[in-house]
Amino acid sequence: MKPSLGSLDYGGSGSAKKPISSFYRNLGIWLLLFAVSCSGRELQEANPQTGLRPWPENPSYWEYNGKPVLLLGATDNDNLFQNNNLKSHLDSLAAIGGNYVRNTMSDRDAGDLKAFFKNEDGTYDLEKWNPDYWEKLENLLTWAQERDIIVQIEIWDRFDHAREEWITDPFNPKNNVNYTYEEAKLDSLYPDHPGSNKQPFFFTVPALQDNQVVLPFQEEFVKKLLSISLNFDNVLYCIDNETKGVEEWAVFWADFIYNHAGEKAVYLTQMWDDWDITSDMHKRTLDHPDRYAYIDMSQNSHNTGQLNWDNAQYILGYIKEQPRPVNSTKIYGSQTSAWVNRGITEDHAVQTFFRNVLGGFASSRFHRPPSGLGLSEQSIKAIKAIRHVEEKVKMWEVVPRMDLLSENEPNEAYLSAKAGEKYVVYFPNEGSVNVAVSADPQHVELFWLDVNGGEWTLGEPDWSDGIITLSPPVSTSSFAVLLLPN
C-alpha cells in the first residue's frame, strides 16, 4: 500500500516529534515505494507478450510470444483435427518452417466424428456431446501450440449443411431427437450448391429468422468450442468458410464470440466468397476493423497473374489508415483442381504464395488436395524458399515498390524494398527487369535463390546510372536480393 500524504505526522497534541524531519522521513518512504512500483511496471512491460496478436510495431503482421512472425502453411485437410496422423503431419510442417494451419469444425468426410452423442438407434442427441470429437480439437490445439503453430479455426462450413452432406447432418431433424422438421422450420433436402444461400440453418439469428429452436443448439456448439479454444493462445477465429451469407449472421456470431471470450483477447474475421475481393461483399469486413481484427483474402487466389497481385495491393491500400493482418488460409491451384482450365494450376499456386508474401500478407497457406497442393514437394520448396529469404530480409522490413521497376511486363517480376537498403525481387519465370538503385555497384551485394534448388548463389550487379538490370539465372521461380551498405 502506498502511504497517503494526508496521513503524514506533523506533530501536535503534545507530540514531541519534529514536523520537518517526520515529513522528510515519510516522503522518503513514499518515494522509495513509488520507485519500486515503477520498477515493477517497467519489468512487467519489458516481459515478452505471450500468445498471438497483431504486432504493435507493424500491425500488418502477427506477433507471437513477443516476436513478429510470418505465418506459412501447407496441410492435407481442411478439418485438420480429424486427421488420424495429426501429430506427424504437424511435425512434418514444423520441420520445413511451417507455422500456420487451417481447421474447419467440419465432419462431412468419410470416417469423421460428429460433435454430438449418437444413440443406439443411430439418432443424435444435440444436448449431449461426443467427447472424442472435442478431444481431437484439444489435441490439435495442444500439439500445434507445442510446435509454435497458429491454428485458424473456421466455425461454420456451408458445405456441411447442404446437398448429400445434409442427409447425415446431426442438425437435420430426421437425425436427432431434439426437434421435428415443423418445429425447426427446416426441410429434408437442400439439393442446391450451398453458395445459393437457401439453407435456413444460416438465418437462425434474431436479426433474421430468430429461430429459437435451432439457434440454442448452434450457440451451445460454439460455447463448447470456445470452452476449449480459449485455453490456448495460438488460435485465430473465422466465422464461416467462403460464405455468401448475409451480414447479420456474421455480426451475431462475432458479438457472441467476443461476449463469451470475456477478458480474453480474441481475433476473428469472416471469409466472404466473392472472387472479386474489391467488391462490396468484402467491404463488410474491410469497413469494420472494430469487429474484424484481421482479414482473410483466400478467394483472391481465384485470380491469376498480375490481377492476383493488383487486387491484393488494392486491399492493402484500402486499409492503409487502419492496417490489419491480411491472411490467406487457402491458396488454390493444382493439376487436379476443378479450375485448372482457368489457369488455377500448380504453378499458379506457387506464384500466388510468393506474391502474397512479397505483397505484404501476414499469412499464406496452400489449400488441401485436390484443389490445392497441400503438403507436397512443391509447397515444401516454396515454404523453405521464403524462410531462406528471411535469412537476409524480413518481410516486415520492406514494402511493395513496383514503382522502382522498369522494363517489366505483367507478371514478370514483383518488388518489395526499403529503398536505399534492401530489395527483394520475385521472378515467377524467366525475365529481365530494371531496378532503380542509386548506389555504387561496388558496394551492392546481389544474391540469387533458385526456388527449386533452394540454395543462394552470388551474382554480379549489372549497373548503369543508378539502375541495376536483373535477369534470373533460371527459367523457373527465383528470388533476387539486393543489399546495400547502411
Protein backbone atom coordinates (compact mmCIF):
# COMPACT_ATOMS: atom_id res chain seq x y z
CA MET A 1 0.00 0.00 0.00
CA LYS A 2 1.31 3.46 -0.82
CA PRO A 3 1.36 5.86 2.16
CA SER A 4 -1.04 8.76 1.89
CA LEU A 5 0.49 12.25 2.03
CA GLY A 6 -2.54 13.31 4.03
CA SER A 7 -1.52 10.99 6.88
CA LEU A 8 1.93 12.44 7.43
CA ASP A 9 2.52 13.30 11.14
CA TYR A 10 3.48 16.92 11.70
CA GLY A 11 3.27 16.62 15.49
CA GLY A 12 0.73 18.45 17.63
CA SER A 13 -1.43 17.39 20.55
CA GLY A 14 1.61 17.48 22.78
CA SER A 15 3.70 15.44 20.35
CA ALA A 16 7.42 15.94 20.70
CA LYS A 17 8.04 14.78 17.11
CA LYS A 18 9.77 17.29 14.83
CA PRO A 19 7.39 18.07 11.94
CA ILE A 20 10.07 18.67 9.28
CA SER A 21 12.10 15.51 9.97
CA SER A 22 8.93 13.45 10.13
CA PHE A 23 7.77 14.86 6.81
CA TYR A 24 11.01 14.02 5.01
CA ARG A 25 11.18 10.59 6.58
CA ASN A 26 7.68 9.80 5.32
CA LEU A 27 8.42 11.43 1.97
CA GLY A 28 11.48 9.22 1.59
CA ILE A 29 9.40 6.12 2.27
CA TRP A 30 6.79 7.25 -0.26
CA LEU A 31 9.41 7.91 -2.94
CA LEU A 32 11.01 4.52 -2.28
CA LEU A 33 7.72 2.74 -2.67
CA PHE A 34 6.95 4.75 -5.79
CA ALA A 35 10.32 3.80 -7.30
CA VAL A 36 9.74 0.12 -6.52
CA SER A 37 6.29 0.35 -8.07
CA CYS A 38 7.63 1.99 -11.23
CA SER A 39 10.41 -0.55 -11.43
CA GLY A 40 7.86 -3.34 -11.25
CA ARG A 41 5.81 -1.79 -14.03
CA GLU A 42 8.90 -1.43 -16.19
CA LEU A 43 9.78 -5.07 -15.62
CA GLN A 44 6.25 -6.11 -16.43
CA GLU A 45 6.25 -4.06 -19.65
CA ALA A 46 9.63 -5.49 -20.61
CA ASN A 47 8.38 -9.06 -20.34
CA PRO A 48 7.53 -10.53 -23.74
CA GLN A 49 3.88 -10.66 -24.74
CA THR A 50 2.61 -14.22 -24.68
CA GLY A 51 0.36 -15.59 -27.36
CA LEU A 52 -0.77 -14.15 -30.66
CA ARG A 53 -1.75 -10.59 -31.51
CA PRO A 54 -1.22 -8.04 -34.30
CA TRP A 55 2.34 -6.77 -33.94
CA PRO A 56 2.17 -3.31 -32.33
CA GLU A 57 5.17 -2.04 -34.31
CA ASN A 58 3.62 -3.08 -37.62
CA PRO A 59 0.01 -4.28 -37.26
CA SER A 60 0.02 -5.66 -40.80
CA TYR A 61 1.84 -8.66 -39.32
CA TRP A 62 1.28 -11.02 -36.42
CA GLU A 63 3.33 -11.20 -33.26
CA TYR A 64 3.62 -14.48 -31.36
CA ASN A 65 5.17 -14.73 -27.89
CA GLY A 66 6.73 -11.30 -28.23
CA LYS A 67 8.25 -11.67 -31.70
CA PRO A 68 6.93 -10.81 -35.18
CA VAL A 69 6.18 -13.86 -37.32
CA LEU A 70 5.31 -14.59 -40.91
CA LEU A 71 2.73 -17.38 -40.98
CA LEU A 72 3.27 -20.05 -43.66
CA GLY A 73 1.40 -23.31 -44.05
CA ALA A 74 0.51 -26.32 -46.18
CA THR A 75 -1.65 -29.18 -44.91
CA ASP A 76 -3.63 -32.01 -46.47
CA ASN A 77 -7.01 -31.48 -44.86
CA ASP A 78 -9.43 -28.67 -44.07
CA ASN A 79 -10.72 -30.17 -40.81
CA LEU A 80 -7.23 -31.00 -39.66
CA PHE A 81 -8.27 -32.01 -36.15
CA GLN A 82 -9.95 -35.09 -37.65
CA ASN A 83 -6.67 -36.39 -39.15
CA ASN A 84 -5.54 -39.75 -37.84
CA ASN A 85 -1.89 -38.86 -38.47
CA LEU A 86 -2.24 -35.40 -37.00
CA LYS A 87 0.86 -35.29 -34.81
CA SER A 88 3.23 -36.50 -37.53
CA HIS A 89 1.61 -34.12 -40.04
CA LEU A 90 2.30 -31.20 -37.71
CA ASP A 91 5.86 -32.46 -37.22
CA SER A 92 6.37 -32.51 -40.98
CA LEU A 93 5.05 -28.96 -41.32
CA ALA A 94 7.18 -27.60 -38.49
CA ALA A 95 10.30 -29.30 -39.87
CA ILE A 96 10.18 -27.20 -43.05
CA GLY A 97 9.45 -23.89 -41.30
CA GLY A 98 5.65 -24.04 -41.44
CA ASN A 99 3.76 -22.44 -38.56
CA TYR A 100 0.16 -21.99 -39.74
CA VAL A 101 -2.77 -24.37 -40.27
CA ARG A 102 -6.42 -24.15 -41.15
CA ASN A 103 -9.05 -26.06 -39.21
CA THR A 104 -12.73 -26.13 -40.10
CA MET A 105 -15.02 -27.69 -37.50
CA SER A 106 -16.28 -29.91 -40.30
CA ASP A 107 -17.46 -33.51 -40.10
CA ARG A 108 -18.52 -34.36 -43.66
CA ASP A 109 -15.61 -36.55 -44.81
CA ALA A 110 -15.77 -40.34 -44.60
CA GLY A 111 -14.73 -41.53 -41.17
CA ASP A 112 -15.13 -38.14 -39.49
CA LEU A 113 -16.52 -37.96 -35.97
CA LYS A 114 -19.62 -35.90 -35.21
CA ALA A 115 -19.77 -33.45 -32.34
CA PHE A 116 -22.87 -34.98 -30.74
CA PHE A 117 -23.72 -38.14 -28.86
CA LYS A 118 -25.13 -40.93 -31.03
CA ASN A 119 -27.89 -43.13 -29.66
CA GLU A 120 -28.13 -46.86 -30.29
CA ASP A 121 -30.82 -46.27 -32.92
CA GLY A 122 -28.42 -44.01 -34.89
CA THR A 123 -30.04 -40.70 -33.95
CA TYR A 124 -28.12 -37.88 -32.32
CA ASP A 125 -28.86 -36.04 -29.10
CA LEU A 126 -27.89 -32.39 -29.56
CA GLU A 127 -27.91 -31.89 -25.80
CA LYS A 128 -25.06 -34.38 -25.33
CA TRP A 129 -21.52 -34.31 -26.71
CA ASN A 130 -19.32 -36.87 -28.35
CA PRO A 131 -16.19 -36.43 -26.17
CA ASP A 132 -13.92 -37.96 -28.80
CA TYR A 133 -14.73 -35.20 -31.28
CA TRP A 134 -13.80 -32.49 -28.82
CA GLU A 135 -10.72 -34.35 -27.64
CA LYS A 136 -9.47 -34.25 -31.23
CA LEU A 137 -9.83 -30.46 -31.25
CA GLU A 138 -7.97 -30.12 -27.96
CA ASN A 139 -5.21 -32.38 -29.28
CA LEU A 140 -4.78 -30.21 -32.35
CA LEU A 141 -4.51 -27.01 -30.34
CA THR A 142 -2.16 -28.61 -27.80
CA TRP A 143 0.18 -30.17 -30.34
CA ALA A 144 0.15 -27.05 -32.51
CA GLN A 145 1.00 -24.85 -29.54
CA GLU A 146 3.87 -27.15 -28.61
CA ARG A 147 5.27 -26.57 -32.12
CA ASP A 148 4.57 -22.79 -32.24
CA ILE A 149 1.95 -23.33 -34.94
CA ILE A 150 -1.01 -20.96 -35.28
CA VAL A 151 -4.45 -22.52 -35.87
CA GLN A 152 -7.09 -20.58 -37.82
CA ILE A 153 -10.45 -22.12 -36.86
CA GLU A 154 -13.47 -21.82 -39.15
CA ILE A 155 -16.56 -22.39 -37.06
CA TRP A 156 -19.21 -22.95 -39.73
CA ASP A 157 -18.79 -24.52 -43.17
CA ARG A 158 -21.71 -24.21 -45.57
CA PHE A 159 -20.75 -27.47 -47.31
CA ASP A 160 -21.59 -29.44 -44.15
CA HIS A 161 -25.25 -28.45 -44.29
CA ALA A 162 -26.38 -28.89 -47.90
CA ARG A 163 -26.73 -31.46 -50.68
CA GLU A 164 -25.72 -35.01 -49.71
CA GLU A 165 -23.96 -33.82 -46.55
CA TRP A 166 -27.31 -32.64 -45.15
CA ILE A 167 -28.61 -36.21 -45.32
CA THR A 168 -26.29 -37.28 -42.47
CA ASP A 169 -26.05 -33.94 -40.66
CA PRO A 170 -26.94 -34.16 -36.94
CA PHE A 171 -28.77 -30.82 -37.29
CA ASN A 172 -31.11 -32.42 -39.84
CA PRO A 173 -34.32 -33.07 -37.84
CA LYS A 174 -34.60 -36.66 -39.02
CA ASN A 175 -31.19 -37.38 -37.49
CA ASN A 176 -31.78 -36.05 -33.96
CA VAL A 177 -34.21 -36.48 -31.08
CA ASN A 178 -34.44 -32.79 -30.26
CA TYR A 179 -36.81 -31.24 -32.80
CA THR A 180 -39.02 -32.02 -35.78
CA TYR A 181 -38.98 -30.51 -39.26
CA GLU A 182 -42.00 -28.43 -38.39
CA GLU A 183 -40.53 -27.16 -35.11
CA ALA A 184 -37.16 -26.37 -36.63
CA LYS A 185 -38.57 -24.91 -39.86
CA LEU A 186 -36.08 -26.97 -41.83
CA ASP A 187 -36.54 -29.18 -44.89
CA SER A 188 -35.32 -32.71 -45.54
CA LEU A 189 -33.37 -31.75 -48.67
CA TYR A 190 -31.25 -28.81 -49.76
CA PRO A 191 -30.02 -30.01 -53.14
CA ASP A 192 -28.60 -26.73 -54.45
CA HIS A 193 -24.97 -25.67 -54.14
CA PRO A 194 -24.61 -24.01 -50.71
CA GLY A 195 -23.48 -20.84 -52.46
CA SER A 196 -27.14 -20.27 -53.31
CA ASN A 197 -27.60 -19.47 -49.61
CA LYS A 198 -31.03 -21.12 -49.34
CA GLN A 199 -30.35 -23.10 -46.16
CA PRO A 200 -32.31 -21.61 -43.18
CA PHE A 201 -29.61 -23.00 -40.89
CA PHE A 202 -27.70 -19.79 -41.69
CA PHE A 203 -30.64 -17.47 -40.95
CA THR A 204 -31.43 -18.51 -37.37
CA VAL A 205 -30.11 -15.41 -35.57
CA PRO A 206 -32.52 -12.85 -34.02
CA ALA A 207 -31.92 -10.20 -36.70
CA LEU A 208 -33.04 -12.68 -39.37
CA GLN A 209 -35.48 -15.54 -38.71
CA ASP A 210 -34.96 -15.68 -34.94
CA ASN A 211 -35.20 -19.47 -34.88
CA GLN A 212 -35.32 -20.20 -31.15
CA VAL A 213 -35.46 -23.95 -31.76
CA VAL A 214 -32.23 -24.40 -33.75
CA LEU A 215 -30.24 -21.36 -32.59
CA PRO A 216 -29.79 -22.52 -28.96
CA PHE A 217 -28.11 -25.70 -30.20
CA GLN A 218 -25.86 -23.68 -32.51
CA GLU A 219 -24.95 -21.45 -29.57
CA GLU A 220 -24.11 -24.43 -27.39
CA PHE A 221 -21.86 -25.79 -30.13
CA VAL A 222 -19.89 -22.52 -30.29
CA LYS A 223 -19.74 -22.26 -26.50
CA LYS A 224 -18.34 -25.77 -26.30
CA LEU A 225 -15.72 -24.90 -28.91
CA LEU A 226 -14.76 -21.75 -27.01
CA SER A 227 -14.55 -23.65 -23.71
CA ILE A 228 -11.60 -25.48 -25.28
CA SER A 229 -10.04 -22.93 -27.62
CA LEU A 230 -9.97 -20.04 -25.14
CA ASN A 231 -7.44 -22.01 -23.11
CA PHE A 232 -4.91 -21.54 -25.92
CA ASP A 233 -3.03 -18.53 -27.20
CA ASN A 234 -2.30 -19.79 -30.72
CA VAL A 235 -5.82 -19.50 -32.16
CA LEU A 236 -7.49 -17.28 -34.74
CA TYR A 237 -11.23 -17.41 -35.46
CA CYS A 238 -13.06 -17.23 -38.78
CA ILE A 239 -16.84 -17.41 -38.66
CA ASP A 240 -17.52 -19.15 -41.99
CA ASN A 241 -15.83 -20.83 -44.92
CA GLU A 242 -16.22 -18.77 -48.13
CA THR A 243 -19.74 -17.67 -47.35
CA LYS A 244 -22.29 -15.85 -49.47
CA GLY A 245 -24.42 -15.39 -46.39
CA VAL A 246 -25.93 -12.17 -45.14
CA GLU A 247 -24.04 -9.79 -42.92
CA GLU A 248 -26.36 -10.14 -39.91
CA TRP A 249 -25.32 -13.79 -39.44
CA ALA A 250 -21.65 -12.85 -39.16
CA VAL A 251 -22.33 -9.88 -36.89
CA PHE A 252 -24.27 -12.07 -34.47
CA TRP A 253 -21.50 -14.65 -34.17
CA ALA A 254 -18.78 -12.03 -33.88
CA ASP A 255 -20.60 -10.44 -30.94
CA PHE A 256 -21.33 -13.86 -29.47
CA ILE A 257 -17.64 -14.84 -29.52
CA TYR A 258 -16.46 -11.55 -28.06
CA ASN A 259 -19.06 -11.72 -25.28
CA HIS A 260 -18.11 -15.25 -24.30
CA ALA A 261 -14.38 -14.56 -24.50
CA GLY A 262 -14.68 -12.01 -21.70
CA GLU A 263 -11.26 -10.56 -20.86
CA LYS A 264 -9.51 -12.97 -23.22
CA ALA A 265 -8.22 -11.27 -26.36
CA VAL A 266 -9.58 -12.99 -29.46
CA TYR A 267 -9.04 -12.16 -33.12
CA LEU A 268 -11.67 -13.04 -35.68
CA THR A 269 -12.74 -12.41 -39.25
CA GLN A 270 -15.24 -13.52 -41.86
CA MET A 271 -14.32 -15.16 -45.21
CA TRP A 272 -16.59 -13.92 -47.96
CA ASP A 273 -16.92 -15.91 -51.17
CA ASP A 274 -16.74 -13.28 -53.92
CA TRP A 275 -13.67 -13.93 -56.08
CA ASP A 276 -13.53 -10.19 -56.78
CA ILE A 277 -12.06 -9.08 -53.49
CA THR A 278 -12.59 -5.42 -54.41
CA SER A 279 -16.37 -5.97 -54.29
CA ASP A 280 -18.80 -4.57 -51.74
CA MET A 281 -19.22 -8.02 -50.19
CA HIS A 282 -15.66 -7.88 -48.83
CA LYS A 283 -16.17 -4.35 -47.54
CA ARG A 284 -18.39 -5.89 -44.85
CA THR A 285 -15.08 -6.90 -43.26
CA LEU A 286 -12.79 -4.16 -44.55
CA ASP A 287 -15.01 -1.36 -43.23
CA HIS A 288 -15.29 -2.77 -39.70
CA PRO A 289 -11.87 -3.04 -38.01
CA ASP A 290 -13.65 -2.74 -34.67
CA ARG A 291 -15.36 -6.07 -35.36
CA TYR A 292 -12.86 -7.92 -37.55
CA ALA A 293 -9.31 -7.81 -36.22
CA TYR A 294 -7.86 -9.32 -39.38
CA ILE A 295 -8.87 -10.03 -42.97
CA ASP A 296 -8.90 -13.30 -44.88
CA MET A 297 -8.45 -12.91 -48.63
CA SER A 298 -8.24 -16.56 -49.65
CA GLN A 299 -10.66 -16.03 -52.53
CA ASN A 300 -8.17 -13.78 -54.27
CA SER A 301 -6.27 -16.91 -55.26
CA HIS A 302 -9.00 -17.49 -57.85
CA ASN A 303 -7.37 -14.61 -59.75
CA THR A 304 -4.24 -15.32 -61.76
CA GLY A 305 -1.11 -13.43 -62.69
CA GLN A 306 -0.87 -9.65 -62.36
CA LEU A 307 -4.54 -9.33 -61.34
CA ASN A 308 -3.83 -11.51 -58.31
CA TRP A 309 -1.16 -9.02 -57.20
CA ASP A 310 -3.08 -5.87 -58.13
CA ASN A 311 -6.22 -6.89 -56.23
CA ALA A 312 -4.18 -7.71 -53.13
CA GLN A 313 -2.49 -4.32 -53.30
CA TYR A 314 -5.91 -2.69 -53.59
CA ILE A 315 -6.93 -4.31 -50.30
CA LEU A 316 -3.74 -3.31 -48.53
CA GLY A 317 -4.18 0.24 -49.79
CA TYR A 318 -7.84 0.28 -48.72
CA ILE A 319 -6.91 -0.47 -45.08
CA LYS A 320 -3.75 1.65 -45.06
CA GLU A 321 -5.11 4.07 -42.46
CA GLN A 322 -6.14 1.21 -40.15
CA PRO A 323 -3.76 -1.63 -41.05
CA ARG A 324 -4.59 -5.17 -40.00
CA PRO A 325 -3.08 -8.55 -40.82
CA VAL A 326 -4.28 -9.95 -44.15
CA ASN A 327 -4.34 -13.75 -44.15
CA SER A 328 -4.77 -16.23 -46.97
CA THR A 329 -5.65 -19.55 -45.38
CA LYS A 330 -6.39 -21.13 -48.78
CA ILE A 331 -4.29 -20.87 -51.92
CA TYR A 332 -5.99 -22.76 -54.72
CA GLY A 333 -4.14 -24.45 -57.54
CA SER A 334 -3.00 -27.90 -58.59
CA GLN A 335 -3.05 -30.07 -61.67
CA THR A 336 -6.21 -31.71 -60.29
CA SER A 337 -8.11 -28.58 -59.27
CA ALA A 338 -11.62 -28.03 -60.56
CA TRP A 339 -10.44 -24.77 -62.14
CA VAL A 340 -7.33 -25.99 -63.91
CA ASN A 341 -8.75 -24.82 -67.25
CA ARG A 342 -8.86 -21.28 -65.82
CA GLY A 343 -5.15 -21.42 -65.02
CA ILE A 344 -5.58 -22.41 -61.35
CA THR A 345 -2.67 -24.81 -61.67
CA GLU A 346 0.32 -25.91 -59.61
CA ASP A 347 2.38 -23.02 -60.98
CA HIS A 348 -0.40 -20.59 -60.11
CA ALA A 349 -0.45 -21.82 -56.51
CA VAL A 350 3.30 -21.35 -56.08
CA GLN A 351 3.24 -17.94 -57.73
CA THR A 352 0.31 -16.79 -55.60
CA PHE A 353 2.09 -17.92 -52.45
CA PHE A 354 5.12 -15.81 -53.32
CA ARG A 355 3.05 -12.83 -54.46
CA ASN A 356 1.14 -12.91 -51.17
CA VAL A 357 4.31 -12.92 -49.10
CA LEU A 358 6.13 -10.28 -51.12
CA GLY A 359 2.99 -8.19 -51.34
CA GLY A 360 2.55 -7.81 -47.58
CA PHE A 361 0.21 -10.62 -46.49
CA ALA A 362 0.62 -11.78 -42.90
CA SER A 363 -0.06 -15.43 -43.74
CA SER A 364 -0.24 -17.78 -46.69
CA ARG A 365 -1.22 -21.44 -46.76
CA PHE A 366 -1.57 -23.94 -49.59
CA HIS A 367 -5.09 -25.41 -49.79
CA ARG A 368 -5.62 -29.17 -49.45
CA PRO A 369 -5.76 -31.54 -52.43
CA PRO A 370 -7.33 -31.85 -54.90
CA SER A 371 -7.97 -28.10 -55.09
CA GLY A 372 -4.53 -27.20 -53.77
CA LEU A 373 -1.04 -28.55 -53.31
CA GLY A 374 -1.35 -29.48 -49.63
CA LEU A 375 1.91 -30.56 -48.02
CA SER A 376 3.72 -31.66 -51.17
CA GLU A 377 7.08 -31.34 -52.87
CA GLN A 378 6.21 -28.00 -54.46
CA SER A 379 4.70 -26.43 -51.36
CA ILE A 380 7.62 -27.61 -49.23
CA LYS A 381 10.07 -25.96 -51.62
CA ALA A 382 8.04 -22.75 -51.53
CA ILE A 383 7.94 -22.53 -47.73
CA LYS A 384 11.65 -23.30 -47.48
CA ALA A 385 12.39 -20.62 -50.08
CA ILE A 386 10.64 -17.91 -48.05
CA ARG A 387 12.46 -18.98 -44.91
CA HIS A 388 15.72 -18.66 -46.89
CA VAL A 389 14.73 -15.15 -47.99
CA GLU A 390 14.08 -14.28 -44.35
CA GLU A 391 17.72 -15.10 -43.60
CA LYS A 392 18.57 -11.90 -45.46
CA VAL A 393 15.41 -9.76 -45.34
CA LYS A 394 12.32 -9.95 -43.15
CA MET A 395 9.14 -9.14 -44.99
CA TRP A 396 8.09 -6.50 -42.47
CA GLU A 397 11.34 -4.63 -43.25
CA VAL A 398 10.21 -3.94 -46.83
CA VAL A 399 7.09 -2.75 -48.63
CA PRO A 400 5.86 -3.26 -52.21
CA ARG A 401 7.69 -0.82 -54.51
CA MET A 402 6.69 -1.66 -58.04
CA ASP A 403 7.43 1.97 -58.92
CA LEU A 404 11.15 1.13 -58.71
CA LEU A 405 10.81 -1.44 -61.50
CA SER A 406 11.04 -0.64 -65.20
CA GLU A 407 11.12 -2.61 -68.44
CA ASN A 408 8.84 -5.18 -66.82
CA GLU A 409 5.89 -6.95 -68.38
CA PRO A 410 2.74 -8.01 -66.45
CA ASN A 411 3.52 -10.86 -64.04
CA GLU A 412 7.22 -10.74 -64.99
CA ALA A 413 8.58 -9.57 -61.64
CA TYR A 414 7.49 -8.21 -58.27
CA LEU A 415 9.49 -5.98 -55.95
CA SER A 416 9.39 -5.10 -52.26
CA ALA A 417 12.04 -2.84 -50.82
CA LYS A 418 13.34 -0.48 -48.21
CA ALA A 419 14.76 1.99 -50.67
CA GLY A 420 18.46 2.55 -50.31
CA GLU A 421 18.96 -0.53 -48.12
CA LYS A 422 17.35 -3.79 -49.26
CA TYR A 423 15.39 -5.03 -52.24
CA VAL A 424 13.63 -8.37 -52.82
CA VAL A 425 12.57 -9.24 -56.36
CA TYR A 426 10.46 -12.28 -57.24
CA PHE A 427 10.51 -13.73 -60.76
CA PRO A 428 7.69 -16.23 -61.48
CA ASN A 429 9.59 -17.37 -64.56
CA GLU A 430 12.46 -16.06 -66.67
CA GLY A 431 12.67 -12.35 -67.41
CA SER A 432 14.73 -9.19 -67.31
CA VAL A 433 13.85 -6.01 -65.40
CA ASN A 434 15.49 -2.83 -64.20
CA VAL A 435 15.58 -1.81 -60.55
CA ALA A 436 16.21 1.81 -59.62
CA VAL A 437 19.03 1.72 -57.05
CA SER A 438 21.15 4.83 -56.61
CA ALA A 439 24.33 3.28 -55.23
CA ASP A 440 27.88 2.42 -56.03
CA PRO A 441 27.76 -1.05 -57.63
CA GLN A 442 30.96 -1.99 -55.83
CA HIS A 443 29.03 -1.85 -52.58
CA VAL A 444 25.89 -3.66 -53.71
CA GLU A 445 25.51 -7.32 -52.84
CA LEU A 446 23.36 -9.43 -55.16
CA PHE A 447 22.10 -12.87 -54.13
CA TRP A 448 20.05 -15.29 -56.24
CA LEU A 449 17.81 -18.02 -54.87
CA ASP A 450 16.54 -20.76 -57.17
CA VAL A 451 13.30 -21.96 -55.55
CA ASN A 452 13.74 -25.48 -56.91
CA GLY A 453 17.41 -25.68 -55.91
CA GLY A 454 16.95 -23.98 -52.58
CA GLU A 455 20.48 -22.53 -52.37
CA TRP A 456 21.89 -18.99 -52.53
CA THR A 457 24.36 -18.00 -55.23
CA LEU A 458 26.23 -14.72 -55.59
CA GLY A 459 25.57 -12.51 -58.58
CA GLU A 460 27.36 -9.61 -60.25
CA PRO A 461 25.17 -6.48 -60.45
CA ASP A 462 24.71 -5.16 -63.98
CA TRP A 463 24.72 -1.47 -63.06
CA SER A 464 24.40 1.75 -65.03
CA ASP A 465 23.35 5.25 -63.92
CA GLY A 466 21.62 4.10 -60.73
CA ILE A 467 19.82 1.22 -62.45
CA ILE A 468 20.55 -2.46 -61.87
CA THR A 469 19.36 -4.87 -64.54
CA LEU A 470 18.33 -8.27 -63.19
CA SER A 471 17.98 -11.40 -65.27
CA PRO A 472 17.47 -14.61 -63.26
CA PRO A 473 19.88 -17.45 -63.96
CA VAL A 474 16.98 -19.96 -64.10
CA SER A 475 13.71 -20.06 -66.04
CA THR A 476 11.58 -21.12 -63.06
CA SER A 477 10.64 -19.30 -59.84
CA SER A 478 13.54 -17.38 -58.29
CA PHE A 479 14.35 -14.52 -55.96
CA ALA A 480 16.94 -11.76 -56.17
CA VAL A 481 18.02 -9.98 -53.01
CA LEU A 482 19.98 -6.72 -53.27
CA LEU A 483 21.64 -5.44 -50.10
CA LEU A 484 23.22 -2.01 -49.85
CA PRO A 485 25.53 -0.79 -47.08
CA ASN A 486 23.89 1.33 -44.41
